[in-house]
């Protein structure tokens, strides 16, 4: 009989504790006002053209004028990009990243290279622009 009572307690006690669970929380975000103005953007030509995709930054331009971007890249391990003229070198390939560096952080495009545009001037905060990804 004691065994039966213990089994019943083990079953019902957790059920009684369910309504007393601790506070549940969810992540939410809200603003106190509607967003006004225009969003900041990246640009290569002083704001005349706004970058709408990474293709605007991740491109190479060959001597013959062909521009190859990630979305138009036909190359593979068995089909490499061929330089258009005999004797061409990597120095003949134009790209956004200066040839003197191996890579550029996204935040450097904003601060060091000044590829940042913001028509209404509210996109750069007190601490500058931070880009992560």
C-alpha atoms as a PDB file:
ATOM      1  CA  UNK A   1       0.000   0.000   0.000  1.00  0.00           C
ATOM      2  CA  UNK A   2       2.862   2.407   0.752  1.00  0.00           C
ATOM      3  CA  UNK A   3       4.371   1.546  -2.627  1.00  0.00           C
ATOM      4  CA  UNK A   4       1.103   2.510  -4.373  1.00  0.00           C
ATOM      5  CA  UNK A   5       0.978   5.848  -2.497  1.00  0.00           C
ATOM      6  CA  UNK A   6       4.571   6.636  -3.514  1.00  0.00           C
ATOM      7  CA  UNK A   7       3.796   5.931  -7.159  1.00  0.00           C
ATOM      8  CA  UNK A   8       0.762   8.211  -7.010  1.00  0.00           C
ATOM      9  CA  UNK A   9       2.805  11.002  -5.438  1.00  0.00           C
ATOM     10  CA  UNK A  10       5.497  10.654  -8.092  1.00  0.00           C
ATOM     11  CA  UNK A  11       2.811  11.048 -10.723  1.00  0.00           C
ATOM     12  CA  UNK A  12       0.774  13.924  -9.260  1.00  0.00           C
ATOM     13  CA  UNK A  13       3.434  16.132  -7.621  1.00  0.00           C
ATOM     14  CA  UNK A  14       5.004  17.182 -10.954  1.00  0.00           C
ATOM     15  CA  UNK A  15       1.526  17.965 -12.281  1.00  0.00           C
ATOM     16  CA  UNK A  16       0.904  20.309  -9.365  1.00  0.00           C
ATOM     17  CA  UNK A  17       4.200  22.084 -10.013  1.00  0.00           C
ATOM     18  CA  UNK A  18       3.448  22.830 -13.670  1.00  0.00           C
ATOM     19  CA  UNK A  19       1.310  25.934 -13.024  1.00  0.00           C
ATOM     20  CA  UNK A  20       4.110  27.339 -10.861  1.00  0.00           C
ATOM     21  CA  UNK A  21       6.841  27.415 -13.490  1.00  0.00           C
ATOM     22  CA  UNK A  22       9.196  30.333 -13.435  1.00  0.00           C
ATOM     23  CA  UNK A  23       8.677  33.376 -15.599  1.00  0.00           C
ATOM     24  CA  UNK A  24       8.931  32.701 -19.351  1.00  0.00           C
ATOM     25  CA  UNK A  25      10.460  35.303 -21.609  1.00  0.00           C
ATOM     26  CA  UNK A  26      10.815  35.801 -25.350  1.00  0.00           C
ATOM     27  CA  UNK A  27      13.054  38.102 -27.341  1.00  0.00           C
ATOM     28  CA  UNK A  28      11.279  41.110 -28.779  1.00  0.00           C
ATOM     29  CA  UNK A  29      12.344  44.359 -30.324  1.00  0.00           C
ATOM     30  CA  UNK A  30      10.413  47.546 -30.834  1.00  0.00           C
ATOM     31  CA  UNK A  31      10.996  51.168 -31.661  1.00  0.00           C
ATOM     32  CA  UNK A  32       9.375  54.137 -30.062  1.00  0.00           C
ATOM     33  CA  UNK A  33       8.831  55.853 -33.424  1.00  0.00           C
ATOM     34  CA  UNK A  34       8.529  54.973 -37.078  1.00  0.00           C
ATOM     35  CA  UNK A  35      11.792  54.833 -38.993  1.00  0.00           C
ATOM     36  CA  UNK A  36      12.169  57.980 -41.061  1.00  0.00           C
ATOM     37  CA  UNK A  37      14.509  58.875 -43.886  1.00  0.00           C
ATOM     38  CA  UNK A  38      16.626  56.513 -45.927  1.00  0.00           C
ATOM     39  CA  UNK A  39      18.859  53.611 -45.023  1.00  0.00           C
ATOM     40  CA  UNK A  40      22.643  53.940 -45.293  1.00  0.00           C
ATOM     41  CA  UNK A  41      24.346  52.075 -48.133  1.00  0.00           C
ATOM     42  CA  UNK A  42      27.720  51.150 -49.611  1.00  0.00           C
ATOM     43  CA  UNK A  43      28.840  52.932 -52.773  1.00  0.00           C
ATOM     44  CA  UNK A  44      31.939  52.951 -54.969  1.00  0.00           C
ATOM     45  CA  UNK A  45      31.360  56.230 -56.792  1.00  0.00           C
ATOM     46  CA  UNK A  46      30.456  58.780 -54.153  1.00  0.00           C
ATOM     47  CA  UNK A  47      26.774  57.885 -53.966  1.00  0.00           C
ATOM     48  CA  UNK A  48      25.868  57.852 -57.661  1.00  0.00           C
ATOM     49  CA  UNK A  49      25.398  54.076 -57.580  1.00  0.00           C
ATOM     50  CA  UNK A  50      24.259  52.158 -54.504  1.00  0.00           C
ATOM     51  CA  UNK A  51      25.443  48.621 -53.922  1.00  0.00           C
ATOM     52  CA  UNK A  52      22.449  46.313 -53.946  1.00  0.00           C
ATOM     53  CA  UNK A  53      24.363  43.038 -53.747  1.00  0.00           C
ATOM     54  CA  UNK A  54      27.815  41.733 -52.937  1.00  0.00           C
ATOM     55  CA  UNK A  55      28.501  41.451 -56.679  1.00  0.00           C
ATOM     56  CA  UNK A  56      29.164  45.202 -56.609  1.00  0.00           C
ATOM     57  CA  UNK A  57      32.194  44.585 -54.386  1.00  0.00           C
ATOM     58  CA  UNK A  58      33.350  41.060 -55.164  1.00  0.00           C
ATOM     59  CA  UNK A  59      34.298  41.393 -58.804  1.00  0.00           C
ATOM     60  CA  UNK A  60      37.317  41.228 -61.068  1.00  0.00           C
ATOM     61  CA  UNK A  61      37.708  43.162 -64.312  1.00  0.00           C
ATOM     62  CA  UNK A  62      39.949  41.697 -66.988  1.00  0.00           C
ATOM     63  CA  UNK A  63      41.994  43.671 -69.559  1.00  0.00           C
ATOM     64  CA  UNK A  64      39.451  43.028 -72.309  1.00  0.00           C
ATOM     65  CA  UNK A  65      36.689  44.664 -70.230  1.00  0.00           C
ATOM     66  CA  UNK A  66      34.982  41.488 -69.031  1.00  0.00           C
ATOM     67  CA  UNK A  67      33.671  41.763 -65.476  1.00  0.00           C
ATOM     68  CA  UNK A  68      33.317  38.541 -63.499  1.00  0.00           C
ATOM     69  CA  UNK A  69      31.248  38.524 -60.311  1.00  0.00           C
ATOM     70  CA  UNK A  70      30.277  35.698 -57.952  1.00  0.00           C
ATOM     71  CA  UNK A  71      26.912  35.360 -59.693  1.00  0.00           C
ATOM     72  CA  UNK A  72      28.385  35.350 -63.232  1.00  0.00           C
ATOM     73  CA  UNK A  73      31.532  33.324 -62.552  1.00  0.00           C
ATOM     74  CA  UNK A  74      31.680  30.414 -65.031  1.00  0.00           C
ATOM     75  CA  UNK A  75      34.957  29.032 -63.705  1.00  0.00           C
ATOM     76  CA  UNK A  76      35.625  25.751 -61.939  1.00  0.00           C
ATOM     77  CA  UNK A  77      38.623  23.584 -61.131  1.00  0.00           C
ATOM     78  CA  UNK A  78      38.498  22.169 -64.663  1.00  0.00           C
ATOM     79  CA  UNK A  79      37.461  25.449 -66.340  1.00  0.00           C
ATOM     80  CA  UNK A  80      39.643  28.268 -64.914  1.00  0.00           C
ATOM     81  CA  UNK A  81      39.315  31.929 -65.846  1.00  0.00           C
ATOM     82  CA  UNK A  82      41.736  32.558 -68.681  1.00  0.00           C
ATOM     83  CA  UNK A  83      43.486  35.905 -68.940  1.00  0.00           C
ATOM     84  CA  UNK A  84      42.731  37.506 -72.313  1.00  0.00           C
ATOM     85  CA  UNK A  85      46.259  38.318 -73.474  1.00  0.00           C
ATOM     86  CA  UNK A  86      49.533  36.405 -73.463  1.00  0.00           C
ATOM     87  CA  UNK A  87      51.861  37.775 -70.813  1.00  0.00           C
ATOM     88  CA  UNK A  88      49.023  39.100 -68.629  1.00  0.00           C
ATOM     89  CA  UNK A  89      49.627  38.991 -64.900  1.00  0.00           C
ATOM     90  CA  UNK A  90      47.515  39.425 -61.793  1.00  0.00           C
ATOM     91  CA  UNK A  91      48.558  43.076 -61.886  1.00  0.00           C
ATOM     92  CA  UNK A  92      46.415  43.459 -65.015  1.00  0.00           C
ATOM     93  CA  UNK A  93      43.251  42.486 -63.129  1.00  0.00           C
ATOM     94  CA  UNK A  94      41.227  45.315 -61.598  1.00  0.00           C
ATOM     95  CA  UNK A  95      39.302  44.751 -58.398  1.00  0.00           C
ATOM     96  CA  UNK A  96      37.911  46.710 -55.490  1.00  0.00           C
ATOM     97  CA  UNK A  97      40.372  45.371 -52.945  1.00  0.00           C
ATOM     98  CA  UNK A  98      43.708  47.175 -53.352  1.00  0.00           C
ATOM     99  CA  UNK A  99      46.405  44.855 -54.694  1.00  0.00           C
ATOM    100  CA  UNK A 100      48.620  45.726 -51.730  1.00  0.00           C
ATOM    101  CA  UNK A 101      46.399  43.788 -49.286  1.00  0.00           C
ATOM    102  CA  UNK A 102      45.169  40.193 -49.108  1.00  0.00           C
ATOM    103  CA  UNK A 103      41.754  41.008 -47.656  1.00  0.00           C
ATOM    104  CA  UNK A 104      39.682  43.890 -46.323  1.00  0.00           C
ATOM    105  CA  UNK A 105      37.278  43.880 -43.395  1.00  0.00           C
ATOM    106  CA  UNK A 106      33.793  45.098 -44.193  1.00  0.00           C
ATOM    107  CA  UNK A 107      34.144  47.851 -41.595  1.00  0.00           C
ATOM    108  CA  UNK A 108      37.270  49.092 -43.440  1.00  0.00           C
ATOM    109  CA  UNK A 109      35.197  49.646 -46.577  1.00  0.00           C
ATOM    110  CA  UNK A 110      33.195  52.124 -44.527  1.00  0.00           C
ATOM    111  CA  UNK A 111      35.930  53.875 -42.574  1.00  0.00           C
ATOM    112  CA  UNK A 112      39.261  53.584 -44.395  1.00  0.00           C
ATOM    113  CA  UNK A 113      38.067  53.492 -48.012  1.00  0.00           C
ATOM    114  CA  UNK A 114      35.002  55.714 -47.463  1.00  0.00           C
ATOM    115  CA  UNK A 115      32.590  53.534 -49.455  1.00  0.00           C
ATOM    116  CA  UNK A 116      29.754  54.657 -47.180  1.00  0.00           C
ATOM    117  CA  UNK A 117      26.724  56.682 -48.177  1.00  0.00           C
ATOM    118  CA  UNK A 118      23.867  58.051 -46.129  1.00  0.00           C
ATOM    119  CA  UNK A 119      21.599  60.615 -47.737  1.00  0.00           C
ATOM    120  CA  UNK A 120      20.021  61.927 -44.542  1.00  0.00           C
ATOM    121  CA  UNK A 121      23.142  61.687 -42.357  1.00  0.00           C
ATOM    122  CA  UNK A 122      21.744  59.561 -39.553  1.00  0.00           C
ATOM    123  CA  UNK A 123      23.475  56.282 -40.404  1.00  0.00           C
ATOM    124  CA  UNK A 124      26.708  56.910 -38.595  1.00  0.00           C
ATOM    125  CA  UNK A 125      26.342  56.863 -34.837  1.00  0.00           C
ATOM    126  CA  UNK A 126      28.408  58.490 -32.118  1.00  0.00           C
ATOM    127  CA  UNK A 127      30.921  55.628 -32.142  1.00  0.00           C
ATOM    128  CA  UNK A 128      31.179  55.495 -35.927  1.00  0.00           C
ATOM    129  CA  UNK A 129      30.029  52.679 -38.160  1.00  0.00           C
ATOM    130  CA  UNK A 130      30.417  49.063 -37.156  1.00  0.00           C
ATOM    131  CA  UNK A 131      30.007  46.244 -39.652  1.00  0.00           C
ATOM    132  CA  UNK A 132      30.037  42.610 -38.600  1.00  0.00           C
ATOM    133  CA  UNK A 133      29.110  39.445 -40.360  1.00  0.00           C
END
